[in-house]
Amino acid sequence: FRGAVVSGANLSGADMEGADLRSGMVMERSEQ
């Protein structure tokens, strides 16, 4: 879940054992 936006979501009773909730950002190479 790195860098995901899960605002206002319902995760009641969900199993997120070992999930990765750290910061994250998709990168790409520019024309330069």
mmCIF file of all heavy atoms, coordinates in Angstrom:
data_MODEL
# 
_entry.id   MODEL 
# 
loop_
_atom_site.group_PDB 
_atom_site.id 
_atom_site.type_symbol 
_atom_site.label_atom_id 
_atom_site.label_alt_id 
_atom_site.label_comp_id 
_atom_site.label_asym_id 
_atom_site.label_entity_id 
_atom_site.label_seq_id 
_atom_site.pdbx_PDB_ins_code 
_atom_site.Cartn_x 
_atom_site.Cartn_y 
_atom_site.Cartn_z 
_atom_site.occupancy 
_atom_site.B_iso_or_equiv 
_atom_site.pdbx_formal_charge 
_atom_site.auth_seq_id 
_atom_site.auth_comp_id 
_atom_site.auth_asym_id 
_atom_site.auth_atom_id 
_atom_site.pdbx_PDB_model_num 
ATOM 1   N N   . PHE A 1 1  ? 0.825   -1.206  0.000   1.00 0.00 ? 1  PHE A N   1 
ATOM 2   C CA  . PHE A 1 1  ? 0.000   0.000   0.000   1.00 0.00 ? 1  PHE A CA  1 
ATOM 3   C C   . PHE A 1 1  ? 0.861   1.259   0.000   1.00 0.00 ? 1  PHE A C   1 
ATOM 4   O O   . PHE A 1 1  ? 0.365   2.352   0.290   1.00 0.00 ? 1  PHE A O   1 
ATOM 5   C CB  . PHE A 1 1  ? -0.907  0.040   1.234   1.00 0.00 ? 1  PHE A CB  1 
ATOM 6   C CG  . PHE A 1 1  ? -2.088  -0.887  1.189   1.00 0.00 ? 1  PHE A CG  1 
ATOM 7   C CD1 . PHE A 1 1  ? -1.994  -2.178  1.670   1.00 0.00 ? 1  PHE A CD1 1 
ATOM 8   C CD2 . PHE A 1 1  ? -3.300  -0.462  0.669   1.00 0.00 ? 1  PHE A CD2 1 
ATOM 9   C CE1 . PHE A 1 1  ? -3.073  -3.034  1.650   1.00 0.00 ? 1  PHE A CE1 1 
ATOM 10  C CE2 . PHE A 1 1  ? -4.392  -1.311  0.643   1.00 0.00 ? 1  PHE A CE2 1 
ATOM 11  C CZ  . PHE A 1 1  ? -4.283  -2.609  1.135   1.00 0.00 ? 1  PHE A CZ  1 
ATOM 12  N N   . ARG A 1 2  ? 2.126   1.148   -0.337  1.00 0.00 ? 2  ARG A N   1 
ATOM 13  C CA  . ARG A 1 2  ? 2.999   2.315   -0.271  1.00 0.00 ? 2  ARG A CA  1 
ATOM 14  C C   . ARG A 1 2  ? 2.463   3.465   -1.136  1.00 0.00 ? 2  ARG A C   1 
ATOM 15  O O   . ARG A 1 2  ? 2.131   3.275   -2.300  1.00 0.00 ? 2  ARG A O   1 
ATOM 16  C CB  . ARG A 1 2  ? 4.407   1.950   -0.733  1.00 0.00 ? 2  ARG A CB  1 
ATOM 17  C CG  . ARG A 1 2  ? 5.210   1.143   0.275   1.00 0.00 ? 2  ARG A CG  1 
ATOM 18  C CD  . ARG A 1 2  ? 6.544   0.745   -0.304  1.00 0.00 ? 2  ARG A CD  1 
ATOM 19  N NE  . ARG A 1 2  ? 6.382   -0.123  -1.470  1.00 0.00 ? 2  ARG A NE  1 
ATOM 20  C CZ  . ARG A 1 2  ? 7.318   -0.340  -2.394  1.00 0.00 ? 2  ARG A CZ  1 
ATOM 21  N NH1 . ARG A 1 2  ? 8.489   0.264   -2.299  1.00 0.00 ? 2  ARG A NH1 1 
ATOM 22  N NH2 . ARG A 1 2  ? 7.079   -1.153  -3.405  1.00 0.00 ? 2  ARG A NH2 1 
ATOM 23  N N   . GLY A 1 3  ? 2.364   4.632   -0.526  1.00 0.00 ? 3  GLY A N   1 
ATOM 24  C CA  . GLY A 1 3  ? 1.922   5.821   -1.256  1.00 0.00 ? 3  GLY A CA  1 
ATOM 25  C C   . GLY A 1 3  ? 0.463   5.809   -1.638  1.00 0.00 ? 3  GLY A C   1 
ATOM 26  O O   . GLY A 1 3  ? 0.010   6.666   -2.401  1.00 0.00 ? 3  GLY A O   1 
ATOM 27  N N   . ALA A 1 4  ? -0.324  4.867   -1.112  1.00 0.00 ? 4  ALA A N   1 
ATOM 28  C CA  . ALA A 1 4  ? -1.748  4.797   -1.461  1.00 0.00 ? 4  ALA A CA  1 
ATOM 29  C C   . ALA A 1 4  ? -2.560  5.797   -0.640  1.00 0.00 ? 4  ALA A C   1 
ATOM 30  O O   . ALA A 1 4  ? -2.175  6.186   0.456   1.00 0.00 ? 4  ALA A O   1 
ATOM 31  C CB  . ALA A 1 4  ? -2.280  3.386   -1.241  1.00 0.00 ? 4  ALA A CB  1 
ATOM 32  N N   . VAL A 1 5  ? -3.699  6.200   -1.182  1.00 0.00 ? 5  VAL A N   1 
ATOM 33  C CA  . VAL A 1 5  ? -4.643  7.062   -0.472  1.00 0.00 ? 5  VAL A CA  1 
ATOM 34  C C   . VAL A 1 5  ? -5.862  6.212   -0.143  1.00 0.00 ? 5  VAL A C   1 
ATOM 35  O O   . VAL A 1 5  ? -6.571  5.764   -1.036  1.00 0.00 ? 5  VAL A O   1 
ATOM 36  C CB  . VAL A 1 5  ? -5.062  8.269   -1.325  1.00 0.00 ? 5  VAL A CB  1 
ATOM 37  C CG1 . VAL A 1 5  ? -6.062  9.129   -0.571  1.00 0.00 ? 5  VAL A CG1 1 
ATOM 38  C CG2 . VAL A 1 5  ? -3.850  9.100   -1.708  1.00 0.00 ? 5  VAL A CG2 1 
ATOM 39  N N   . VAL A 1 6  ? -6.086  5.964   1.158   1.00 0.00 ? 6  VAL A N   1 
ATOM 40  C CA  . VAL A 1 6  ? -7.173  5.081   1.576   1.00 0.00 ? 6  VAL A CA  1 
ATOM 41  C C   . VAL A 1 6  ? -8.130  5.864   2.488   1.00 0.00 ? 6  VAL A C   1 
ATOM 42  O O   . VAL A 1 6  ? -8.765  5.313   3.379   1.00 0.00 ? 6  VAL A O   1 
ATOM 43  C CB  . VAL A 1 6  ? -6.609  3.828   2.278   1.00 0.00 ? 6  VAL A CB  1 
ATOM 44  C CG1 . VAL A 1 6  ? -7.620  2.678   2.249   1.00 0.00 ? 6  VAL A CG1 1 
ATOM 45  C CG2 . VAL A 1 6  ? -5.334  3.328   1.580   1.00 0.00 ? 6  VAL A CG2 1 
ATOM 46  N N   . SER A 1 7  ? -8.224  7.165   2.252   1.00 0.00 ? 7  SER A N   1 
ATOM 47  C CA  . SER A 1 7  ? -9.036  8.050   3.091   1.00 0.00 ? 7  SER A CA  1 
ATOM 48  C C   . SER A 1 7  ? -10.506 7.634   3.073   1.00 0.00 ? 7  SER A C   1 
ATOM 49  O O   . SER A 1 7  ? -11.091 7.399   2.019   1.00 0.00 ? 7  SER A O   1 
ATOM 50  C CB  . SER A 1 7  ? -8.924  9.493   2.598   1.00 0.00 ? 7  SER A CB  1 
ATOM 51  O OG  . SER A 1 7  ? -7.601  9.952   2.681   1.00 0.00 ? 7  SER A OG  1 
ATOM 52  N N   . GLY A 1 8  ? -11.092 7.545   4.271   1.00 0.00 ? 8  GLY A N   1 
ATOM 53  C CA  . GLY A 1 8  ? -12.520 7.287   4.381   1.00 0.00 ? 8  GLY A CA  1 
ATOM 54  C C   . GLY A 1 8  ? -12.941 5.897   3.974   1.00 0.00 ? 8  GLY A C   1 
ATOM 55  O O   . GLY A 1 8  ? -14.141 5.614   3.877   1.00 0.00 ? 8  GLY A O   1 
ATOM 56  N N   . ALA A 1 9  ? -11.999 4.999   3.753   1.00 0.00 ? 9  ALA A N   1 
ATOM 57  C CA  . ALA A 1 9  ? -12.337 3.631   3.347   1.00 0.00 ? 9  ALA A CA  1 
ATOM 58  C C   . ALA A 1 9  ? -12.770 2.809   4.556   1.00 0.00 ? 9  ALA A C   1 
ATOM 59  O O   . ALA A 1 9  ? -12.463 3.136   5.696   1.00 0.00 ? 9  ALA A O   1 
ATOM 60  C CB  . ALA A 1 9  ? -11.146 2.971   2.663   1.00 0.00 ? 9  ALA A CB  1 
ATOM 61  N N   . ASN A 1 10 ? -13.481 1.717   4.288   1.00 0.00 ? 10 ASN A N   1 
ATOM 62  C CA  . ASN A 1 10 ? -13.912 0.815   5.354   1.00 0.00 ? 10 ASN A CA  1 
ATOM 63  C C   . ASN A 1 10 ? -13.048 -0.433  5.316   1.00 0.00 ? 10 ASN A C   1 
ATOM 64  O O   . ASN A 1 10 ? -13.124 -1.227  4.381   1.00 0.00 ? 10 ASN A O   1 
ATOM 65  C CB  . ASN A 1 10 ? -15.389 0.440   5.159   1.00 0.00 ? 10 ASN A CB  1 
ATOM 66  C CG  . ASN A 1 10 ? -15.933 -0.399  6.310   1.00 0.00 ? 10 ASN A CG  1 
ATOM 67  O OD1 . ASN A 1 10 ? -15.183 -0.862  7.171   1.00 0.00 ? 10 ASN A OD1 1 
ATOM 68  N ND2 . ASN A 1 10 ? -17.235 -0.594  6.332   1.00 0.00 ? 10 ASN A ND2 1 
ATOM 69  N N   . LEU A 1 11 ? -12.200 -0.609  6.351   1.00 0.00 ? 11 LEU A N   1 
ATOM 70  C CA  . LEU A 1 11 ? -11.324 -1.764  6.450   1.00 0.00 ? 11 LEU A CA  1 
ATOM 71  C C   . LEU A 1 11 ? -11.648 -2.604  7.686   1.00 0.00 ? 11 LEU A C   1 
ATOM 72  O O   . LEU A 1 11 ? -10.821 -3.374  8.159   1.00 0.00 ? 11 LEU A O   1 
ATOM 73  C CB  . LEU A 1 11 ? -9.857  -1.333  6.501   1.00 0.00 ? 11 LEU A CB  1 
ATOM 74  C CG  . LEU A 1 11 ? -9.292  -0.655  5.257   1.00 0.00 ? 11 LEU A CG  1 
ATOM 75  C CD1 . LEU A 1 11 ? -9.082  0.824   5.491   1.00 0.00 ? 11 LEU A CD1 1 
ATOM 76  C CD2 . LEU A 1 11 ? -7.980  -1.300  4.837   1.00 0.00 ? 11 LEU A CD2 1 
ATOM 77  N N   . SER A 1 12 ? -12.867 -2.473  8.194   1.00 0.00 ? 12 SER A N   1 
ATOM 78  C CA  . SER A 1 12 ? -13.238 -3.194  9.408   1.00 0.00 ? 12 SER A CA  1 
ATOM 79  C C   . SER A 1 12 ? -13.022 -4.693  9.227   1.00 0.00 ? 12 SER A C   1 
ATOM 80  O O   . SER A 1 12 ? -13.497 -5.287  8.258   1.00 0.00 ? 12 SER A O   1 
ATOM 81  C CB  . SER A 1 12 ? -14.707 -2.934  9.754   1.00 0.00 ? 12 SER A CB  1 
ATOM 82  O OG  . SER A 1 12 ? -14.935 -1.573  9.999   1.00 0.00 ? 12 SER A OG  1 
ATOM 83  N N   . GLY A 1 13 ? -12.313 -5.284  10.178  1.00 0.00 ? 13 GLY A N   1 
ATOM 84  C CA  . GLY A 1 13 ? -12.107 -6.724  10.140  1.00 0.00 ? 13 GLY A CA  1 
ATOM 85  C C   . GLY A 1 13 ? -11.164 -7.205  9.070   1.00 0.00 ? 13 GLY A C   1 
ATOM 86  O O   . GLY A 1 13 ? -11.032 -8.419  8.853   1.00 0.00 ? 13 GLY A O   1 
ATOM 87  N N   . ALA A 1 14 ? -10.484 -6.312  8.386   1.00 0.00 ? 14 ALA A N   1 
ATOM 88  C CA  . ALA A 1 14 ? -9.560  -6.720  7.322   1.00 0.00 ? 14 ALA A CA  1 
ATOM 89  C C   . ALA A 1 14 ? -8.277  -7.296  7.924   1.00 0.00 ? 14 ALA A C   1 
ATOM 90  O O   . ALA A 1 14 ? -7.868  -6.923  9.016   1.00 0.00 ? 14 ALA A O   1 
ATOM 91  C CB  . ALA A 1 14 ? -9.230  -5.531  6.430   1.00 0.00 ? 14 ALA A CB  1 
ATOM 92  N N   . ASP A 1 15 ? -7.672  -8.222  7.203   1.00 0.00 ? 15 ASP A N   1 
ATOM 93  C CA  . ASP A 1 15 ? -6.400  -8.797  7.617   1.00 0.00 ? 15 ASP A CA  1 
ATOM 94  C C   . ASP A 1 15 ? -5.297  -8.149  6.797   1.00 0.00 ? 15 ASP A C   1 
ATOM 95  O O   . ASP A 1 15 ? -5.197  -8.364  5.591   1.00 0.00 ? 15 ASP A O   1 
ATOM 96  C CB  . ASP A 1 15 ? -6.404  -10.310 7.381   1.00 0.00 ? 15 ASP A CB  1 
ATOM 97  C CG  . ASP A 1 15 ? -5.137  -10.991 7.922   1.00 0.00 ? 15 ASP A CG  1 
ATOM 98  O OD1 . ASP A 1 15 ? -4.216  -10.259 8.349   1.00 0.00 ? 15 ASP A OD1 1 
ATOM 99  O OD2 . ASP A 1 15 ? -5.080  -12.221 7.913   1.00 0.00 ? 15 ASP A OD2 1 
ATOM 100 N N   . MET A 1 16 ? -4.473  -7.323  7.463   1.00 0.00 ? 16 MET A N   1 
ATOM 101 C CA  . MET A 1 16 ? -3.396  -6.623  6.782   1.00 0.00 ? 16 MET A CA  1 
ATOM 102 C C   . MET A 1 16 ? -2.045  -7.014  7.365   1.00 0.00 ? 16 MET A C   1 
ATOM 103 O O   . MET A 1 16 ? -1.098  -6.236  7.383   1.00 0.00 ? 16 MET A O   1 
ATOM 104 C CB  . MET A 1 16 ? -3.620  -5.112  6.877   1.00 0.00 ? 16 MET A CB  1 
ATOM 105 C CG  . MET A 1 16 ? -4.941  -4.661  6.275   1.00 0.00 ? 16 MET A CG  1 
ATOM 106 S SD  . MET A 1 16 ? -5.174  -2.872  6.324   1.00 0.00 ? 16 MET A SD  1 
ATOM 107 C CE  . MET A 1 16 ? -4.060  -2.363  5.009   1.00 0.00 ? 16 MET A CE  1 
ATOM 108 N N   . GLU A 1 17 ? -1.961  -8.257  7.835   1.00 0.00 ? 17 GLU A N   1 
ATOM 109 C CA  . GLU A 1 17 ? -0.717  -8.732  8.435   1.00 0.00 ? 17 GLU A CA  1 
ATOM 110 C C   . GLU A 1 17 ? 0.438   -8.645  7.441   1.00 0.00 ? 17 GLU A C   1 
ATOM 111 O O   . GLU A 1 17 ? 0.358   -9.130  6.317   1.00 0.00 ? 17 GLU A O   1 
ATOM 112 C CB  . GLU A 1 17 ? -0.870  -10.178 8.908   1.00 0.00 ? 17 GLU A CB  1 
ATOM 113 C CG  . GLU A 1 17 ? 0.361   -10.708 9.619   1.00 0.00 ? 17 GLU A CG  1 
ATOM 114 C CD  . GLU A 1 17 ? 0.142   -12.067 10.249  1.00 0.00 ? 17 GLU A CD  1 
ATOM 115 O OE1 . GLU A 1 17 ? -0.993  -12.577 10.183  1.00 0.00 ? 17 GLU A OE1 1 
ATOM 116 O OE2 . GLU A 1 17 ? 1.106   -12.612 10.812  1.00 0.00 ? 17 GLU A OE2 1 
ATOM 117 N N   . GLY A 1 18 ? 1.507   -7.986  7.871   1.00 0.00 ? 18 GLY A N   1 
ATOM 118 C CA  . GLY A 1 18 ? 2.698   -7.864  7.040   1.00 0.00 ? 18 GLY A CA  1 
ATOM 119 C C   . GLY A 1 18 ? 2.560   -6.899  5.883   1.00 0.00 ? 18 GLY A C   1 
ATOM 120 O O   . GLY A 1 18 ? 3.434   -6.838  5.009   1.00 0.00 ? 18 GLY A O   1 
ATOM 121 N N   . ALA A 1 19 ? 1.485   -6.106  5.854   1.00 0.00 ? 19 ALA A N   1 
ATOM 122 C CA  . ALA A 1 19 ? 1.293   -5.161  4.749   1.00 0.00 ? 19 ALA A CA  1 
ATOM 123 C C   . ALA A 1 19 ? 2.320   -4.035  4.810   1.00 0.00 ? 19 ALA A C   1 
ATOM 124 O O   . ALA A 1 19 ? 2.802   -3.664  5.885   1.00 0.00 ? 19 ALA A O   1 
ATOM 125 C CB  . ALA A 1 19 ? -0.117  -4.575  4.790   1.00 0.00 ? 19 ALA A CB  1 
ATOM 126 N N   . ASP A 1 20 ? 2.658   -3.495  3.649   1.00 0.00 ? 20 ASP A N   1 
ATOM 127 C CA  . ASP A 1 20 ? 3.622   -2.396  3.562   1.00 0.00 ? 20 ASP A CA  1 
ATOM 128 C C   . ASP A 1 20 ? 2.858   -1.095  3.383   1.00 0.00 ? 20 ASP A C   1 
ATOM 129 O O   . ASP A 1 20 ? 2.256   -0.848  2.323   1.00 0.00 ? 20 ASP A O   1 
ATOM 130 C CB  . ASP A 1 20 ? 4.574   -2.621  2.382   1.00 0.00 ? 20 ASP A CB  1 
ATOM 131 C CG  . ASP A 1 20 ? 5.798   -1.703  2.445   1.00 0.00 ? 20 ASP A CG  1 
ATOM 132 O OD1 . ASP A 1 20 ? 5.737   -0.693  3.178   1.00 0.00 ? 20 ASP A OD1 1 
ATOM 133 O OD2 . ASP A 1 20 ? 6.795   -2.001  1.765   1.00 0.00 ? 20 ASP A OD2 1 
ATOM 134 N N   . LEU A 1 21 ? 2.849   -0.249  4.430   1.00 0.00 ? 21 LEU A N   1 
ATOM 135 C CA  . LEU A 1 21 ? 2.087   1.001   4.424   1.00 0.00 ? 21 LEU A CA  1 
ATOM 136 C C   . LEU A 1 21 ? 3.004   2.216   4.460   1.00 0.00 ? 21 LEU A C   1 
ATOM 137 O O   . LEU A 1 21 ? 2.589   3.303   4.829   1.00 0.00 ? 21 LEU A O   1 
ATOM 138 C CB  . LEU A 1 21 ? 1.133   1.045   5.629   1.00 0.00 ? 21 LEU A CB  1 
ATOM 139 C CG  . LEU A 1 21 ? 0.328   -0.222  5.949   1.00 0.00 ? 21 LEU A CG  1 
ATOM 140 C CD1 . LEU A 1 21 ? -0.512  -0.013  7.201   1.00 0.00 ? 21 LEU A CD1 1 
ATOM 141 C CD2 . LEU A 1 21 ? -0.564  -0.594  4.785   1.00 0.00 ? 21 LEU A CD2 1 
ATOM 142 N N   . ARG A 1 22 ? 4.236   2.039   4.034   1.00 0.00 ? 22 ARG A N   1 
ATOM 143 C CA  . ARG A 1 22 ? 5.189   3.146   4.078   1.00 0.00 ? 22 ARG A CA  1 
ATOM 144 C C   . ARG A 1 22 ? 4.938   4.141   2.944   1.00 0.00 ? 22 ARG A C   1 
ATOM 145 O O   . ARG A 1 22 ? 4.086   3.942   2.082   1.00 0.00 ? 22 ARG A O   1 
ATOM 146 C CB  . ARG A 1 22 ? 6.611   2.601   3.974   1.00 0.00 ? 22 ARG A CB  1 
ATOM 147 C CG  . ARG A 1 22 ? 7.049   1.758   5.157   1.00 0.00 ? 22 ARG A CG  1 
ATOM 148 C CD  . ARG A 1 22 ? 8.387   1.123   4.894   1.00 0.00 ? 22 ARG A CD  1 
ATOM 149 N NE  . ARG A 1 22 ? 8.349   0.213   3.750   1.00 0.00 ? 22 ARG A NE  1 
ATOM 150 C CZ  . ARG A 1 22 ? 9.420   -0.347  3.195   1.00 0.00 ? 22 ARG A CZ  1 
ATOM 151 N NH1 . ARG A 1 22 ? 10.619  -0.086  3.679   1.00 0.00 ? 22 ARG A NH1 1 
ATOM 152 N NH2 . ARG A 1 22 ? 9.300   -1.161  2.169   1.00 0.00 ? 22 ARG A NH2 1 
ATOM 153 N N   . SER A 1 23 ? 5.717   5.224   2.966   1.00 0.00 ? 23 SER A N   1 
ATOM 154 C CA  . SER A 1 23 ? 5.632   6.213   1.897   1.00 0.00 ? 23 SER A CA  1 
ATOM 155 C C   . SER A 1 23 ? 6.082   5.584   0.581   1.00 0.00 ? 23 SER A C   1 
ATOM 156 O O   . SER A 1 23 ? 6.880   4.647   0.554   1.00 0.00 ? 23 SER A O   1 
ATOM 157 C CB  . SER A 1 23 ? 6.530   7.417   2.209   1.00 0.00 ? 23 SER A CB  1 
ATOM 158 O OG  . SER A 1 23 ? 6.162   7.996   3.434   1.00 0.00 ? 23 SER A OG  1 
ATOM 159 N N   . GLY A 1 24 ? 5.576   6.115   -0.508  1.00 0.00 ? 24 GLY A N   1 
ATOM 160 C CA  . GLY A 1 24 ? 5.967   5.603   -1.821  1.00 0.00 ? 24 GLY A CA  1 
ATOM 161 C C   . GLY A 1 24 ? 5.476   6.511   -2.925  1.00 0.00 ? 24 GLY A C   1 
ATOM 162 O O   . GLY A 1 24 ? 4.461   7.190   -2.787  1.00 0.00 ? 24 GLY A O   1 
ATOM 163 N N   . MET A 1 25 ? 6.208   6.536   -4.037  1.00 0.00 ? 25 MET A N   1 
ATOM 164 C CA  . MET A 1 25 ? 5.846   7.418   -5.145  1.00 0.00 ? 25 MET A CA  1 
ATOM 165 C C   . MET A 1 25 ? 6.291   6.798   -6.455  1.00 0.00 ? 25 MET A C   1 
ATOM 166 O O   . MET A 1 25 ? 7.424   6.345   -6.588  1.00 0.00 ? 25 MET A O   1 
ATOM 167 C CB  . MET A 1 25 ? 6.522   8.797   -4.962  1.00 0.00 ? 25 MET A CB  1 
ATOM 168 C CG  . MET A 1 25 ? 6.076   9.827   -5.979  1.00 0.00 ? 25 MET A CG  1 
ATOM 169 S SD  . MET A 1 25 ? 4.325   10.209  -5.753  1.00 0.00 ? 25 MET A SD  1 
ATOM 170 C CE  . MET A 1 25 ? 3.983   11.048  -7.273  1.00 0.00 ? 25 MET A CE  1 
ATOM 171 N N   . VAL A 1 26 ? 5.395   6.752   -7.426  1.00 0.00 ? 26 VAL A N   1 
ATOM 172 C CA  . VAL A 1 26 ? 5.741   6.238   -8.744  1.00 0.00 ? 26 VAL A CA  1 
ATOM 173 C C   . VAL A 1 26 ? 6.616   7.250   -9.466  1.00 0.00 ? 26 VAL A C   1 
ATOM 174 O O   . VAL A 1 26 ? 6.292   8.440   -9.524  1.00 0.00 ? 26 VAL A O   1 
ATOM 175 C CB  . VAL A 1 26 ? 4.472   5.965   -9.583  1.00 0.00 ? 26 VAL A CB  1 
ATOM 176 C CG1 . VAL A 1 26 ? 4.849   5.479   -10.970 1.00 0.00 ? 26 VAL A CG1 1 
ATOM 177 C CG2 . VAL A 1 26 ? 3.598   4.936   -8.892  1.00 0.00 ? 26 VAL A CG2 1 
ATOM 178 N N   . MET A 1 27 ? 7.728   6.785   -10.021 1.00 0.00 ? 27 MET A N   1 
ATOM 179 C CA  . MET A 1 27 ? 8.659   7.657   -10.730 1.00 0.00 ? 27 MET A CA  1 
ATOM 180 C C   . MET A 1 27 ? 8.764   7.232   -12.199 1.00 0.00 ? 27 MET A C   1 
ATOM 181 O O   . MET A 1 27 ? 8.504   6.083   -12.555 1.00 0.00 ? 27 MET A O   1 
ATOM 182 C CB  . MET A 1 27 ? 10.048  7.585   -10.082 1.00 0.00 ? 27 MET A CB  1 
ATOM 183 C CG  . MET A 1 27 ? 10.062  7.882   -8.590  1.00 0.00 ? 27 MET A CG  1 
ATOM 184 S SD  . MET A 1 27 ? 9.611   9.575   -8.163  1.00 0.00 ? 27 MET A SD  1 
ATOM 185 C CE  . MET A 1 27 ? 11.092  10.441  -8.680  1.00 0.00 ? 27 MET A CE  1 
ATOM 186 N N   . GLU A 1 28 ? 9.135   8.184   -13.042 1.00 0.00 ? 28 GLU A N   1 
ATOM 187 C CA  . GLU A 1 28 ? 9.382   7.902   -14.457 1.00 0.00 ? 28 GLU A CA  1 
ATOM 188 C C   . GLU A 1 28 ? 10.537  8.790   -14.939 1.00 0.00 ? 28 GLU A C   1 
ATOM 189 O O   . GLU A 1 28 ? 10.884  9.776   -14.303 1.00 0.00 ? 28 GLU A O   1 
ATOM 190 C CB  . GLU A 1 28 ? 8.120   8.172   -15.279 1.00 0.00 ? 28 GLU A CB  1 
ATOM 191 C CG  . GLU A 1 28 ? 7.707   9.634   -15.318 1.00 0.00 ? 28 GLU A CG  1 
ATOM 192 C CD  . GLU A 1 28 ? 6.496   9.865   -16.211 1.00 0.00 ? 28 GLU A CD  1 
ATOM 193 O OE1 . GLU A 1 28 ? 6.070   8.925   -16.874 1.00 0.00 ? 28 GLU A OE1 1 
ATOM 194 O OE2 . GLU A 1 28 ? 6.006   11.002  -16.235 1.00 0.00 ? 28 GLU A OE2 1 
ATOM 195 N N   . ARG A 1 29 ? 11.097  8.432   -16.082 1.00 0.00 ? 29 ARG A N   1 
ATOM 196 C CA  . ARG A 1 29 ? 12.183  9.236   -16.639 1.00 0.00 ? 29 ARG A CA  1 
ATOM 197 C C   . ARG A 1 29 ? 11.619  10.296  -17.576 1.00 0.00 ? 29 ARG A C   1 
ATOM 198 O O   . ARG A 1 29 ? 10.783  10.017  -18.418 1.00 0.00 ? 29 ARG A O   1 
ATOM 199 C CB  . ARG A 1 29 ? 13.184  8.346   -17.379 1.00 0.00 ? 29 ARG A CB  1 
ATOM 200 C CG  . ARG A 1 29 ? 14.020  7.488   -16.438 1.00 0.00 ? 29 ARG A CG  1 
ATOM 201 C CD  . ARG A 1 29 ? 15.300  6.984   -17.089 1.00 0.00 ? 29 ARG A CD  1 
ATOM 202 N NE  . ARG A 1 29 ? 16.081  6.215   -16.130 1.00 0.00 ? 29 ARG A NE  1 
ATOM 203 C CZ  . ARG A 1 29 ? 16.916  6.745   -15.259 1.00 0.00 ? 29 ARG A CZ  1 
ATOM 204 N NH1 . ARG A 1 29 ? 17.088  8.052   -15.221 1.00 0.00 ? 29 ARG A NH1 1 
ATOM 205 N NH2 . ARG A 1 29 ? 17.590  5.971   -14.420 1.00 0.00 ? 29 ARG A NH2 1 
ATOM 206 N N   . SER A 1 30 ? 12.115  11.516  -17.408 1.00 0.00 ? 30 SER A N   1 
ATOM 207 C CA  . SER A 1 30 ? 11.701  12.617  -18.273 1.00 0.00 ? 30 SER A CA  1 
ATOM 208 C C   . SER A 1 30 ? 12.427  12.521  -19.610 1.00 0.00 ? 30 SER A C   1 
ATOM 209 O O   . SER A 1 30 ? 13.306  11.667  -19.798 1.00 0.00 ? 30 SER A O   1 
ATOM 210 C CB  . SER A 1 30 ? 12.017  13.953  -17.608 1.00 0.00 ? 30 SER A CB  1 
ATOM 211 O OG  . SER A 1 30 ? 13.425  14.127  -17.520 1.00 0.00 ? 30 SER A OG  1 
ATOM 212 N N   . GLU A 1 31 ? 12.076  13.411  -20.516 1.00 0.00 ? 31 GLU A N   1 
ATOM 213 C CA  . GLU A 1 31 ? 12.751  13.434  -21.817 1.00 0.00 ? 31 GLU A CA  1 
ATOM 214 C C   . GLU A 1 31 ? 14.230  13.749  -21.655 1.00 0.00 ? 31 GLU A C   1 
ATOM 215 O O   . GLU A 1 31 ? 15.051  13.388  -22.510 1.00 0.00 ? 31 GLU A O   1 
ATOM 216 C CB  . GLU A 1 31 ? 12.081  14.471  -22.725 1.00 0.00 ? 31 GLU A CB  1 
ATOM 217 C CG  . GLU A 1 31 ? 10.644  14.114  -23.083 1.00 0.00 ? 31 GLU A CG  1 
ATOM 218 C CD  . GLU A 1 31 ? 10.009  15.186  -23.939 1.00 0.00 ? 31 GLU A CD  1 
ATOM 219 O OE1 . GLU A 1 31 ? 10.678  16.221  -24.205 1.00 0.00 ? 31 GLU A OE1 1 
ATOM 220 O OE2 . GLU A 1 31 ? 8.838   15.015  -24.348 1.00 0.00 ? 31 GLU A OE2 1 
ATOM 221 N N   . GLN A 1 32 ? 14.569  14.426  -20.553 1.00 0.00 ? 32 GLN A N   1 
ATOM 222 C CA  . GLN A 1 32 ? 15.965  14.764  -20.300 1.00 0.00 ? 32 GLN A CA  1 
ATOM 223 C C   . GLN A 1 32 ? 16.717  13.613  -19.613 1.00 0.00 ? 32 GLN A C   1 
ATOM 224 O O   . GLN A 1 32 ? 17.913  13.706  -19.349 1.00 0.00 ? 32 GLN A O   1 
ATOM 225 C CB  . GLN A 1 32 ? 16.062  16.020  -19.416 1.00 0.00 ? 32 GLN A CB  1 
ATOM 226 C CG  . GLN A 1 32 ? 15.578  17.298  -20.088 1.00 0.00 ? 32 GLN A CG  1 
ATOM 227 C CD  . GLN A 1 32 ? 14.052  17.372  -20.162 1.00 0.00 ? 32 GLN A CD  1 
ATOM 228 O OE1 . GLN A 1 32 ? 13.361  16.800  -19.331 1.00 0.00 ? 32 GLN A OE1 1 
ATOM 229 N NE2 . GLN A 1 32 ? 13.546  18.058  -21.175 1.00 0.00 ? 32 GLN A NE2 1 
# 
